């Protein structure tokens, strides 16, 4: 099974420059509300979609992870 992660902003533009393709059944997929670091920036996961390609679960899965930048004022001390 191949799994690909794509991180997208609210407009649907891809954030991660490098492909994230894994040949494993044990890939951590971030949940809604999780914090992730991409290209040196911090983002919050707002939603995710699973696309099953090439024969369903036994084939290829693409996970579209929608993220947004956190409100900086909220995290300042």
Protein backbone atom coordinates (compact mmCIF):
# COMPACT_ATOMS: atom_id res chain seq x y z
CA UNK A 1 0.00 0.00 0.00
CA UNK A 2 1.21 3.49 -0.85
CA UNK A 3 0.11 6.52 1.12
CA UNK A 4 0.65 10.12 0.02
CA UNK A 5 0.16 13.13 2.27
CA UNK A 6 -0.61 16.51 0.71
CA UNK A 7 -0.90 19.59 2.91
CA UNK A 8 -3.14 22.32 1.49
CA UNK A 9 -4.15 25.79 2.64
CA UNK A 10 -7.77 27.02 2.72
CA UNK A 11 -7.57 27.93 -0.99
CA UNK A 12 -6.50 24.40 -1.94
CA UNK A 13 -2.90 25.39 -2.77
CA UNK A 14 -0.28 22.82 -1.85
CA UNK A 15 2.04 23.89 0.98
CA UNK A 16 4.59 21.06 1.09
CA UNK A 17 7.11 21.36 -1.75
CA UNK A 18 8.50 17.83 -1.52
CA UNK A 19 6.37 14.76 -2.16
CA UNK A 20 5.43 12.79 0.95
CA UNK A 21 4.87 9.24 -0.34
CA UNK A 22 5.21 6.26 1.99
CA UNK A 23 5.26 2.50 1.33
CA UNK A 24 4.01 1.46 4.73
CA UNK A 25 0.77 0.68 6.52
CA UNK A 26 1.87 2.61 9.61
CA UNK A 27 2.01 6.29 8.67
CA UNK A 28 0.86 8.82 11.26
CA UNK A 29 -1.89 10.95 9.68
CA UNK A 30 -2.55 14.15 11.64
CA UNK A 31 -6.03 14.62 13.09
CA UNK A 32 -8.14 17.76 12.97
CA UNK A 33 -6.80 20.22 15.55
CA UNK A 34 -3.27 18.77 15.53
CA UNK A 35 -0.27 21.04 15.11
CA UNK A 36 2.17 20.20 12.28
CA UNK A 37 5.44 21.76 11.11
CA UNK A 38 5.96 22.17 7.36
CA UNK A 39 8.77 23.96 5.55
CA UNK A 40 9.83 25.59 8.84
CA UNK A 41 6.35 26.95 9.72
CA UNK A 42 3.74 25.79 12.20
CA UNK A 43 0.20 25.00 11.04
CA UNK A 44 -3.04 23.72 12.58
CA UNK A 45 -4.99 20.95 10.79
CA UNK A 46 -8.54 22.13 9.99
CA UNK A 47 -9.82 19.09 8.05
CA UNK A 48 -8.71 16.10 6.00
CA UNK A 49 -10.01 14.01 3.11
CA UNK A 50 -9.09 10.45 2.12
CA UNK A 51 -8.95 9.54 -1.58
CA UNK A 52 -8.73 5.83 -2.39
CA UNK A 53 -7.00 5.17 -5.72
CA UNK A 54 -5.94 2.01 -7.58
CA UNK A 55 -8.26 -0.55 -6.06
CA UNK A 56 -9.30 0.92 -2.74
CA UNK A 57 -7.60 0.26 0.58
CA UNK A 58 -5.13 -2.30 -0.80
CA UNK A 59 -3.87 0.17 -3.44
CA UNK A 60 -2.95 3.80 -3.17
CA UNK A 61 -4.35 6.31 -0.68
CA UNK A 62 -3.97 10.08 -0.92
CA UNK A 63 -4.73 12.11 2.18
CA UNK A 64 -5.50 15.79 1.64
CA UNK A 65 -4.77 17.62 4.89
CA UNK A 66 -6.11 21.19 5.04
CA UNK A 67 -4.19 23.51 7.37
CA UNK A 68 -4.09 27.13 8.47
CA UNK A 69 -1.53 29.25 10.26
CA UNK A 70 -2.37 29.68 13.95
CA UNK A 71 -3.43 33.04 15.31
CA UNK A 72 -0.08 34.40 16.48
CA UNK A 73 -1.64 36.66 19.13
CA UNK A 74 -3.20 33.60 20.77
CA UNK A 75 0.18 31.89 21.33
CA UNK A 76 2.27 34.88 22.49
CA UNK A 77 3.16 35.20 26.17
